[in-house]
Amino acid sequence: MRRGIGGPAGPRALPVTALALALVLIAGGFAAWTGWDWYDAAHDDTVSYAEQRDQALAAGEQAVQNLNTLDHRKIDTGLDLWESSTTGDLHEQLASGRAEFADQVKAAKTVTTARVLSGALTELDDRAGRARVLVALRVTVKAPGDASTDKDSRMLGELTRTGGHWKLSALGQAPVGATSAG
């Protein structure tokens, strides 16, 4: 028997083939849409900016903690860490006054440790490689024969990206309390 258009395979094969083709087209469209969405998200500038913000904040907090931690028994290691955490004028000031400062800390025999309580990035210019950070920390000072004392402080730091890393280029006390003329 000869099969033709009106034969037994004709009418049944057409709906199954059409259904399979439709499913393939829908799956292909979905794959293309999700692929584009993934590519767009991976190349979004806001993701890159958020990563730089997080890196700058983490580096700023660590550098401020480093510059507020120093043990007279490991003075060279501590001052090396200070210098590796800084750049620019701040780095030059630390390096040029290193010997005199080391002598003072050795004579006082103090151990100073800092712990970051919180931090915030107040400014970020990713293109220029500059940022500002505000860090609240608790500094504990232990002198020989004395009980340790804690002091909470807020520090303002300026960061500069150098060699792909964020480093402190300036550091100072943040003003505490409100000032108003009345």
N, C-alpha and C. Protein backbone atom coordinates (compact mmCIF):
# COMPACT_ATOMS: atom_id res chain seq x y z
N MET A 1 0.82 -1.15 0.00
CA MET A 1 0.00 0.00 0.00
C MET A 1 0.88 1.23 0.00
N ARG A 2 0.47 2.17 -0.75
CA ARG A 2 1.23 3.39 -0.90
C ARG A 2 0.77 4.45 0.10
N ARG A 3 1.74 5.12 0.74
CA ARG A 3 1.38 6.18 1.69
C ARG A 3 1.50 7.53 1.00
N GLY A 4 0.58 8.31 1.19
CA GLY A 4 0.60 9.65 0.61
C GLY A 4 0.22 10.66 1.66
N ILE A 5 -0.22 11.79 1.18
CA ILE A 5 -0.60 12.86 2.11
C ILE A 5 -1.77 12.44 2.98
N GLY A 6 -2.65 11.71 2.42
CA GLY A 6 -3.81 11.30 3.20
C GLY A 6 -3.58 10.00 3.93
N GLY A 7 -2.34 9.43 3.89
CA GLY A 7 -2.08 8.15 4.52
C GLY A 7 -2.04 8.26 6.03
N PRO A 8 -1.85 7.11 6.70
CA PRO A 8 -1.90 7.07 8.15
C PRO A 8 -0.80 7.90 8.83
N ALA A 9 0.41 8.06 8.26
CA ALA A 9 1.48 8.79 8.93
C ALA A 9 1.34 10.29 8.76
N GLY A 10 0.72 10.78 7.78
CA GLY A 10 0.64 12.21 7.46
C GLY A 10 -0.03 13.06 8.51
N PRO A 11 -1.29 12.84 8.84
CA PRO A 11 -1.98 13.73 9.76
C PRO A 11 -1.40 13.68 11.17
N ARG A 12 -0.90 12.58 11.65
CA ARG A 12 -0.36 12.48 13.01
C ARG A 12 1.03 13.11 13.10
N ALA A 13 1.88 12.97 12.13
CA ALA A 13 3.25 13.46 12.17
C ALA A 13 3.30 14.98 12.18
N LEU A 14 2.41 15.62 11.52
CA LEU A 14 2.41 17.08 11.42
C LEU A 14 2.21 17.75 12.79
N PRO A 15 1.23 17.40 13.62
CA PRO A 15 1.08 18.06 14.92
C PRO A 15 2.26 17.77 15.86
N VAL A 16 2.80 16.56 15.86
CA VAL A 16 3.94 16.24 16.73
C VAL A 16 5.17 17.03 16.30
N THR A 17 5.42 17.12 15.00
CA THR A 17 6.56 17.88 14.49
C THR A 17 6.40 19.36 14.81
N ALA A 18 5.22 19.88 14.63
CA ALA A 18 4.97 21.30 14.91
C ALA A 18 5.15 21.59 16.40
N LEU A 19 4.67 20.68 17.24
CA LEU A 19 4.82 20.85 18.68
C LEU A 19 6.30 20.81 19.08
N ALA A 20 7.05 19.86 18.54
CA ALA A 20 8.48 19.75 18.83
C ALA A 20 9.22 21.00 18.37
N LEU A 21 8.90 21.50 17.18
CA LEU A 21 9.53 22.71 16.65
C LEU A 21 9.21 23.91 17.54
N ALA A 22 7.97 24.02 17.99
CA ALA A 22 7.57 25.13 18.85
C ALA A 22 8.34 25.08 20.18
N LEU A 23 8.46 23.89 20.76
CA LEU A 23 9.20 23.74 22.01
C LEU A 23 10.68 24.09 21.84
N VAL A 24 11.26 23.68 20.73
CA VAL A 24 12.66 24.01 20.45
C VAL A 24 12.83 25.52 20.32
N LEU A 25 11.92 26.19 19.62
CA LEU A 25 12.00 27.64 19.45
C LEU A 25 11.83 28.36 20.79
N ILE A 26 10.91 27.88 21.62
CA ILE A 26 10.71 28.50 22.93
C ILE A 26 11.95 28.31 23.81
N ALA A 27 12.50 27.10 23.83
CA ALA A 27 13.71 26.84 24.62
C ALA A 27 14.88 27.67 24.12
N GLY A 28 15.03 27.78 22.81
CA GLY A 28 16.11 28.60 22.24
C GLY A 28 15.94 30.06 22.58
N GLY A 29 14.72 30.56 22.52
CA GLY A 29 14.45 31.95 22.89
C GLY A 29 14.76 32.22 24.36
N PHE A 30 14.36 31.28 25.22
CA PHE A 30 14.64 31.42 26.64
C PHE A 30 16.14 31.39 26.91
N ALA A 31 16.85 30.50 26.25
CA ALA A 31 18.31 30.40 26.42
C ALA A 31 18.98 31.70 25.97
N ALA A 32 18.53 32.25 24.84
CA ALA A 32 19.11 33.51 24.34
C ALA A 32 18.82 34.65 25.32
N TRP A 33 17.60 34.71 25.84
CA TRP A 33 17.22 35.78 26.77
C TRP A 33 18.03 35.69 28.06
N THR A 34 18.15 34.50 28.65
CA THR A 34 18.92 34.37 29.90
C THR A 34 20.41 34.59 29.66
N GLY A 35 20.91 34.17 28.52
CA GLY A 35 22.32 34.43 28.19
C GLY A 35 22.60 35.92 28.10
N TRP A 36 21.72 36.65 27.44
CA TRP A 36 21.89 38.10 27.32
C TRP A 36 21.79 38.77 28.68
N ASP A 37 20.83 38.32 29.48
CA ASP A 37 20.65 38.89 30.81
C ASP A 37 21.89 38.66 31.67
N TRP A 38 22.46 37.46 31.60
CA TRP A 38 23.69 37.15 32.35
C TRP A 38 24.84 38.03 31.85
N TYR A 39 25.01 38.15 30.54
CA TYR A 39 26.08 38.96 29.98
C TYR A 39 25.93 40.42 30.41
N ASP A 40 24.72 40.93 30.36
CA ASP A 40 24.46 42.32 30.73
C ASP A 40 24.80 42.55 32.21
N ALA A 41 24.41 41.62 33.07
CA ALA A 41 24.71 41.76 34.50
C ALA A 41 26.21 41.67 34.77
N ALA A 42 26.89 40.79 34.05
CA ALA A 42 28.33 40.61 34.27
C ALA A 42 29.13 41.82 33.82
N HIS A 43 28.60 42.59 32.90
CA HIS A 43 29.31 43.75 32.37
C HIS A 43 28.70 45.08 32.81
N ASP A 44 27.89 45.03 33.84
CA ASP A 44 27.24 46.22 34.37
C ASP A 44 28.24 47.02 35.19
N ASP A 45 28.32 48.33 34.95
CA ASP A 45 29.25 49.19 35.67
C ASP A 45 28.93 49.26 37.17
N THR A 46 27.67 49.10 37.55
CA THR A 46 27.33 49.20 38.97
C THR A 46 27.93 48.04 39.75
N VAL A 47 28.08 46.88 39.13
CA VAL A 47 28.71 45.75 39.82
C VAL A 47 30.18 46.06 40.07
N SER A 48 30.85 46.57 39.07
CA SER A 48 32.27 46.92 39.20
C SER A 48 32.45 48.02 40.25
N TYR A 49 31.58 49.01 40.24
CA TYR A 49 31.65 50.10 41.20
C TYR A 49 31.44 49.58 42.62
N ALA A 50 30.48 48.68 42.80
CA ALA A 50 30.22 48.11 44.12
C ALA A 50 31.42 47.31 44.61
N GLU A 51 32.07 46.58 43.72
CA GLU A 51 33.27 45.83 44.10
C GLU A 51 34.38 46.77 44.54
N GLN A 52 34.60 47.87 43.81
CA GLN A 52 35.62 48.85 44.18
C GLN A 52 35.29 49.49 45.52
N ARG A 53 34.00 49.78 45.73
CA ARG A 53 33.56 50.38 47.00
C ARG A 53 33.88 49.45 48.15
N ASP A 54 33.54 48.17 48.00
CA ASP A 54 33.79 47.20 49.06
C ASP A 54 35.29 47.02 49.32
N GLN A 55 36.08 46.98 48.25
CA GLN A 55 37.53 46.84 48.41
C GLN A 55 38.13 48.06 49.10
N ALA A 56 37.69 49.25 48.71
CA ALA A 56 38.22 50.47 49.33
C ALA A 56 37.85 50.54 50.81
N LEU A 57 36.61 50.20 51.15
CA LEU A 57 36.19 50.22 52.55
C LEU A 57 36.99 49.23 53.38
N ALA A 58 37.12 48.00 52.89
CA ALA A 58 37.88 46.98 53.63
C ALA A 58 39.34 47.40 53.81
N ALA A 59 39.95 47.93 52.76
CA ALA A 59 41.34 48.38 52.85
C ALA A 59 41.47 49.56 53.80
N GLY A 60 40.52 50.48 53.75
CA GLY A 60 40.56 51.63 54.64
C GLY A 60 40.43 51.25 56.10
N GLU A 61 39.48 50.36 56.40
CA GLU A 61 39.32 49.91 57.77
C GLU A 61 40.58 49.21 58.27
N GLN A 62 41.14 48.35 57.44
CA GLN A 62 42.34 47.61 57.85
C GLN A 62 43.52 48.55 58.06
N ALA A 63 43.69 49.52 57.16
CA ALA A 63 44.82 50.44 57.28
C ALA A 63 44.69 51.32 58.53
N VAL A 64 43.49 51.79 58.82
CA VAL A 64 43.29 52.60 60.04
C VAL A 64 43.58 51.75 61.28
N GLN A 65 43.13 50.51 61.27
CA GLN A 65 43.43 49.61 62.39
C GLN A 65 44.93 49.39 62.50
N ASN A 66 45.60 49.18 61.36
CA ASN A 66 47.06 48.97 61.38
C ASN A 66 47.78 50.16 61.99
N LEU A 67 47.37 51.37 61.62
CA LEU A 67 48.07 52.56 62.11
C LEU A 67 47.74 52.91 63.56
N ASN A 68 46.83 52.17 64.16
CA ASN A 68 46.51 52.38 65.57
C ASN A 68 46.89 51.18 66.42
N THR A 69 47.69 50.29 65.87
CA THR A 69 48.15 49.09 66.57
C THR A 69 49.68 49.06 66.52
N LEU A 70 50.30 48.93 67.70
CA LEU A 70 51.77 48.88 67.75
C LEU A 70 52.21 48.27 69.07
N ASP A 71 53.14 47.32 68.98
CA ASP A 71 53.66 46.63 70.16
C ASP A 71 55.16 46.93 70.26
N HIS A 72 55.60 47.45 71.40
CA HIS A 72 57.01 47.83 71.57
C HIS A 72 57.95 46.64 71.40
N ARG A 73 57.42 45.41 71.63
CA ARG A 73 58.26 44.21 71.50
C ARG A 73 58.44 43.79 70.04
N LYS A 74 57.60 44.29 69.17
CA LYS A 74 57.67 43.96 67.74
C LYS A 74 57.60 45.25 66.92
N ILE A 75 58.39 46.21 67.33
CA ILE A 75 58.30 47.56 66.76
C ILE A 75 58.58 47.59 65.26
N ASP A 76 59.60 46.87 64.82
CA ASP A 76 59.94 46.91 63.40
C ASP A 76 58.83 46.30 62.54
N THR A 77 58.27 45.20 62.99
CA THR A 77 57.17 44.57 62.26
C THR A 77 55.97 45.51 62.19
N GLY A 78 55.66 46.14 63.30
CA GLY A 78 54.53 47.08 63.35
C GLY A 78 54.74 48.28 62.44
N LEU A 79 55.93 48.85 62.48
CA LEU A 79 56.20 50.03 61.64
C LEU A 79 56.29 49.65 60.16
N ASP A 80 56.75 48.44 59.86
CA ASP A 80 56.72 47.96 58.47
C ASP A 80 55.28 47.88 57.98
N LEU A 81 54.38 47.41 58.85
CA LEU A 81 52.97 47.32 58.49
C LEU A 81 52.38 48.71 58.28
N TRP A 82 52.77 49.67 59.10
CA TRP A 82 52.33 51.05 58.91
C TRP A 82 52.73 51.54 57.53
N GLU A 83 53.99 51.32 57.19
CA GLU A 83 54.49 51.82 55.91
C GLU A 83 53.83 51.11 54.72
N SER A 84 53.57 49.81 54.86
CA SER A 84 52.94 49.09 53.75
C SER A 84 51.46 49.44 53.60
N SER A 85 50.86 50.06 54.60
CA SER A 85 49.46 50.46 54.57
C SER A 85 49.26 51.87 54.04
N THR A 86 50.35 52.59 53.76
CA THR A 86 50.25 54.00 53.41
C THR A 86 50.95 54.31 52.09
N THR A 87 50.65 55.50 51.58
CA THR A 87 51.28 55.99 50.37
C THR A 87 51.35 57.51 50.44
N GLY A 88 52.07 58.11 49.53
CA GLY A 88 52.12 59.57 49.43
C GLY A 88 52.80 60.23 50.60
N ASP A 89 52.30 61.43 50.94
CA ASP A 89 52.88 62.23 52.02
C ASP A 89 52.83 61.52 53.37
N LEU A 90 51.72 60.82 53.64
CA LEU A 90 51.61 60.10 54.91
C LEU A 90 52.71 59.05 55.02
N HIS A 91 52.95 58.33 53.96
CA HIS A 91 54.00 57.32 53.94
C HIS A 91 55.37 57.97 54.19
N GLU A 92 55.61 59.08 53.52
CA GLU A 92 56.89 59.79 53.69
C GLU A 92 57.08 60.26 55.12
N GLN A 93 56.02 60.78 55.74
CA GLN A 93 56.11 61.24 57.14
C GLN A 93 56.44 60.08 58.07
N LEU A 94 55.78 58.96 57.86
CA LEU A 94 56.04 57.80 58.72
C LEU A 94 57.46 57.28 58.54
N ALA A 95 57.90 57.21 57.30
CA ALA A 95 59.24 56.68 57.02
C ALA A 95 60.32 57.61 57.56
N SER A 96 60.14 58.91 57.41
CA SER A 96 61.18 59.84 57.85
C SER A 96 61.26 59.94 59.37
N GLY A 97 60.15 59.73 60.08
CA GLY A 97 60.18 59.83 61.54
C GLY A 97 60.23 58.49 62.23
N ARG A 98 60.50 57.45 61.48
CA ARG A 98 60.44 56.08 62.00
C ARG A 98 61.40 55.84 63.17
N ALA A 99 62.65 56.18 63.04
CA ALA A 99 63.65 55.87 64.07
C ALA A 99 63.32 56.58 65.38
N GLU A 100 62.98 57.85 65.31
CA GLU A 100 62.67 58.62 66.51
C GLU A 100 61.41 58.06 67.19
N PHE A 101 60.41 57.77 66.40
CA PHE A 101 59.17 57.23 66.96
C PHE A 101 59.41 55.85 67.59
N ALA A 102 60.18 55.01 66.93
CA ALA A 102 60.50 53.67 67.46
C ALA A 102 61.19 53.79 68.82
N ASP A 103 62.11 54.74 68.96
CA ASP A 103 62.80 54.94 70.24
C ASP A 103 61.81 55.35 71.34
N GLN A 104 60.86 56.23 71.01
CA GLN A 104 59.87 56.67 71.99
C GLN A 104 58.98 55.53 72.45
N VAL A 105 58.54 54.69 71.50
CA VAL A 105 57.66 53.57 71.86
C VAL A 105 58.42 52.53 72.68
N LYS A 106 59.67 52.27 72.31
CA LYS A 106 60.49 51.30 73.07
C LYS A 106 60.70 51.79 74.50
N ALA A 107 60.95 53.10 74.66
CA ALA A 107 61.18 53.66 75.99
C ALA A 107 59.90 53.60 76.83
N ALA A 108 58.75 53.86 76.23
CA ALA A 108 57.49 53.84 76.96
C ALA A 108 56.99 52.42 77.21
N LYS A 109 57.47 51.46 76.42
CA LYS A 109 57.08 50.04 76.53
C LYS A 109 55.57 49.84 76.49
N THR A 110 54.93 50.48 75.55
CA THR A 110 53.48 50.38 75.41
C THR A 110 53.09 49.36 74.34
N VAL A 111 51.90 48.82 74.54
CA VAL A 111 51.28 47.93 73.55
C VAL A 111 49.91 48.55 73.24
N THR A 112 49.73 48.91 71.99
CA THR A 112 48.49 49.53 71.55
C THR A 112 47.83 48.63 70.53
N THR A 113 46.55 48.32 70.78
CA THR A 113 45.80 47.51 69.82
C THR A 113 44.51 48.24 69.47
N ALA A 114 44.10 48.08 68.24
CA ALA A 114 42.88 48.74 67.78
C ALA A 114 41.93 47.69 67.21
N ARG A 115 40.65 47.97 67.39
CA ARG A 115 39.60 47.12 66.82
C ARG A 115 38.58 48.02 66.15
N VAL A 116 38.29 47.73 64.89
CA VAL A 116 37.31 48.52 64.13
C VAL A 116 35.92 48.20 64.65
N LEU A 117 35.18 49.24 65.01
CA LEU A 117 33.79 49.08 65.45
C LEU A 117 32.84 49.20 64.27
N SER A 118 33.12 50.15 63.39
CA SER A 118 32.33 50.31 62.17
C SER A 118 33.08 51.22 61.22
N GLY A 119 32.69 51.16 59.97
CA GLY A 119 33.32 52.00 58.97
C GLY A 119 32.36 52.31 57.85
N ALA A 120 32.63 53.41 57.17
CA ALA A 120 31.79 53.80 56.04
C ALA A 120 32.66 54.52 55.02
N LEU A 121 32.39 54.24 53.78
CA LEU A 121 33.04 54.97 52.70
C LEU A 121 32.20 56.21 52.44
N THR A 122 32.80 57.37 52.57
CA THR A 122 32.04 58.61 52.41
C THR A 122 32.17 59.18 51.01
N GLU A 123 33.17 58.72 50.26
CA GLU A 123 33.38 59.23 48.91
C GLU A 123 34.20 58.20 48.13
N LEU A 124 33.87 58.03 46.86
CA LEU A 124 34.64 57.14 46.00
C LEU A 124 34.67 57.71 44.59
N ASP A 125 35.88 57.97 44.11
CA ASP A 125 36.09 58.35 42.71
C ASP A 125 36.93 57.23 42.11
N ASP A 126 36.22 56.23 41.57
CA ASP A 126 36.87 55.03 41.06
C ASP A 126 37.82 55.35 39.92
N ARG A 127 37.43 56.26 39.05
CA ARG A 127 38.26 56.60 37.87
C ARG A 127 39.56 57.28 38.28
N ALA A 128 39.48 58.16 39.29
CA ALA A 128 40.68 58.86 39.74
C ALA A 128 41.47 58.05 40.77
N GLY A 129 40.86 56.99 41.31
CA GLY A 129 41.55 56.17 42.31
C GLY A 129 41.67 56.85 43.66
N ARG A 130 40.60 57.56 44.07
CA ARG A 130 40.61 58.23 45.37
C ARG A 130 39.33 57.89 46.12
N ALA A 131 39.45 57.79 47.44
CA ALA A 131 38.29 57.52 48.28
C ALA A 131 38.52 58.12 49.66
N ARG A 132 37.43 58.27 50.40
CA ARG A 132 37.49 58.74 51.79
C ARG A 132 36.71 57.77 52.65
N VAL A 133 37.22 57.56 53.84
CA VAL A 133 36.61 56.60 54.74
C VAL A 133 36.49 57.20 56.14
N LEU A 134 35.44 56.83 56.84
CA LEU A 134 35.24 57.21 58.23
C LEU A 134 35.21 55.91 59.02
N VAL A 135 36.09 55.79 60.01
CA VAL A 135 36.22 54.54 60.76
C VAL A 135 36.10 54.84 62.25
N ALA A 136 35.20 54.12 62.91
CA ALA A 136 35.09 54.18 64.37
C ALA A 136 35.85 52.99 64.92
N LEU A 137 36.70 53.25 65.91
CA LEU A 137 37.49 52.16 66.48
C LEU A 137 37.70 52.33 67.96
N ARG A 138 38.02 51.21 68.59
CA ARG A 138 38.36 51.19 70.01
C ARG A 138 39.85 50.88 70.11
N VAL A 139 40.58 51.79 70.72
CA VAL A 139 42.03 51.64 70.88
C VAL A 139 42.31 51.31 72.35
N THR A 140 43.03 50.22 72.56
CA THR A 140 43.40 49.79 73.91
C THR A 140 44.90 50.01 74.07
N VAL A 141 45.28 50.73 75.12
CA VAL A 141 46.69 51.01 75.40
C VAL A 141 47.06 50.36 76.72
N LYS A 142 48.15 49.60 76.68
CA LYS A 142 48.66 48.93 77.88
C LYS A 142 50.09 49.39 78.10
N ALA A 143 50.32 50.06 79.22
CA ALA A 143 51.66 50.48 79.62
C ALA A 143 52.12 49.55 80.74
N PRO A 144 53.44 49.40 80.91
CA PRO A 144 53.91 48.50 81.97
C PRO A 144 53.43 48.95 83.35
N GLY A 145 52.90 47.99 84.12
CA GLY A 145 52.45 48.29 85.47
C GLY A 145 51.10 48.96 85.55
N ASP A 146 50.54 49.38 84.46
CA ASP A 146 49.24 50.05 84.46
C ASP A 146 48.18 49.11 83.89
N ALA A 147 46.96 49.37 84.32
CA ALA A 147 45.84 48.65 83.71
C ALA A 147 45.65 49.21 82.30
N SER A 148 45.09 48.40 81.44
CA SER A 148 44.86 48.88 80.07
C SER A 148 43.71 49.88 80.06
N THR A 149 43.81 50.81 79.15
CA THR A 149 42.76 51.81 79.00
C THR A 149 42.22 51.75 77.58
N ASP A 150 40.91 51.93 77.46
CA ASP A 150 40.24 51.92 76.16
C ASP A 150 39.80 53.34 75.80
N LYS A 151 39.93 53.64 74.54
CA LYS A 151 39.46 54.93 74.05
C LYS A 151 38.80 54.70 72.71
N ASP A 152 37.57 55.17 72.57
CA ASP A 152 36.87 55.10 71.30
C ASP A 152 37.17 56.37 70.52
N SER A 153 37.43 56.22 69.24
CA SER A 153 37.69 57.39 68.42
C SER A 153 37.16 57.17 67.01
N ARG A 154 37.02 58.25 66.31
CA ARG A 154 36.60 58.21 64.91
C ARG A 154 37.71 58.84 64.09
N MET A 155 38.08 58.15 63.04
CA MET A 155 39.16 58.62 62.18
C MET A 155 38.64 58.85 60.76
N LEU A 156 39.14 59.90 60.15
CA LEU A 156 38.86 60.18 58.74
C LEU A 156 40.12 59.85 57.95
N GLY A 157 39.97 59.04 56.93
CA GLY A 157 41.11 58.68 56.12
C GLY A 157 40.86 58.95 54.65
N GLU A 158 41.92 59.30 53.96
CA GLU A 158 41.87 59.43 52.51
C GLU A 158 42.66 58.27 51.93
N LEU A 159 42.09 57.63 50.92
CA LEU A 159 42.71 56.49 50.29
C LEU A 159 43.09 56.82 48.86
N THR A 160 44.19 56.24 48.42
CA THR A 160 44.64 56.37 47.04
C THR A 160 44.91 54.96 46.52
N ARG A 161 44.40 54.68 45.31
CA ARG A 161 44.68 53.38 44.71
C ARG A 161 46.04 53.45 44.04
N THR A 162 46.92 52.57 44.47
CA THR A 162 48.26 52.52 43.91
C THR A 162 48.64 51.07 43.70
N GLY A 163 49.11 50.75 42.52
CA GLY A 163 49.48 49.36 42.21
C GLY A 163 48.31 48.40 42.33
N GLY A 164 47.09 48.89 42.08
CA GLY A 164 45.91 48.05 42.17
C GLY A 164 45.38 47.84 43.58
N HIS A 165 45.99 48.50 44.59
CA HIS A 165 45.57 48.35 45.98
C HIS A 165 45.25 49.72 46.57
N TRP A 166 44.31 49.75 47.47
CA TRP A 166 43.96 50.99 48.18
C TRP A 166 44.87 51.13 49.40
N LYS A 167 45.45 52.34 49.55
CA LYS A 167 46.31 52.63 50.71
C LYS A 167 45.95 54.00 51.26
N LEU A 168 46.20 54.17 52.56
CA LEU A 168 45.94 55.47 53.20
C LEU A 168 46.94 56.51 52.72
N SER A 169 46.43 57.66 52.32
CA SER A 169 47.32 58.76 51.94
C SER A 169 47.19 59.93 52.91
N ALA A 170 46.18 59.88 53.80
CA ALA A 170 46.02 60.90 54.85
C ALA A 170 45.16 60.28 55.94
N LEU A 171 45.38 60.70 57.18
CA LEU A 171 44.61 60.18 58.31
C LEU A 171 44.55 61.24 59.40
N GLY A 172 43.37 61.43 59.96
CA GLY A 172 43.19 62.40 61.04
C GLY A 172 41.96 62.06 61.87
N GLN A 173 41.85 62.73 63.03
CA GLN A 173 40.70 62.55 63.91
C GLN A 173 39.47 63.19 63.27
N ALA A 174 38.35 62.51 63.39
CA ALA A 174 37.08 63.10 62.95
C ALA A 174 36.53 63.91 64.12
N PRO A 175 35.93 65.05 63.82
CA PRO A 175 35.34 65.84 64.91
C PRO A 175 34.22 65.06 65.59
N VAL A 176 34.13 65.20 66.91
CA VAL A 176 33.12 64.50 67.68
C VAL A 176 32.18 65.52 68.28
N GLY A 177 30.89 65.25 68.22
CA GLY A 177 29.90 66.13 68.81
C GLY A 177 29.52 67.25 67.86
N ALA A 178 28.42 67.90 68.20
CA ALA A 178 27.90 68.99 67.37
C ALA A 178 28.49 70.31 67.82
N THR A 179 28.77 71.13 66.85
CA THR A 179 29.23 72.50 67.15
C THR A 179 28.24 73.44 66.50
N SER A 180 27.72 74.33 67.33
CA SER A 180 26.78 75.32 66.77
C SER A 180 26.94 76.63 67.53
N ALA A 181 26.76 77.68 66.81
CA ALA A 181 26.83 79.01 67.42
C ALA A 181 25.43 79.39 67.87
N GLY A 182 25.30 79.88 69.07
CA GLY A 182 23.94 80.17 69.55
C GLY A 182 23.86 81.38 70.27
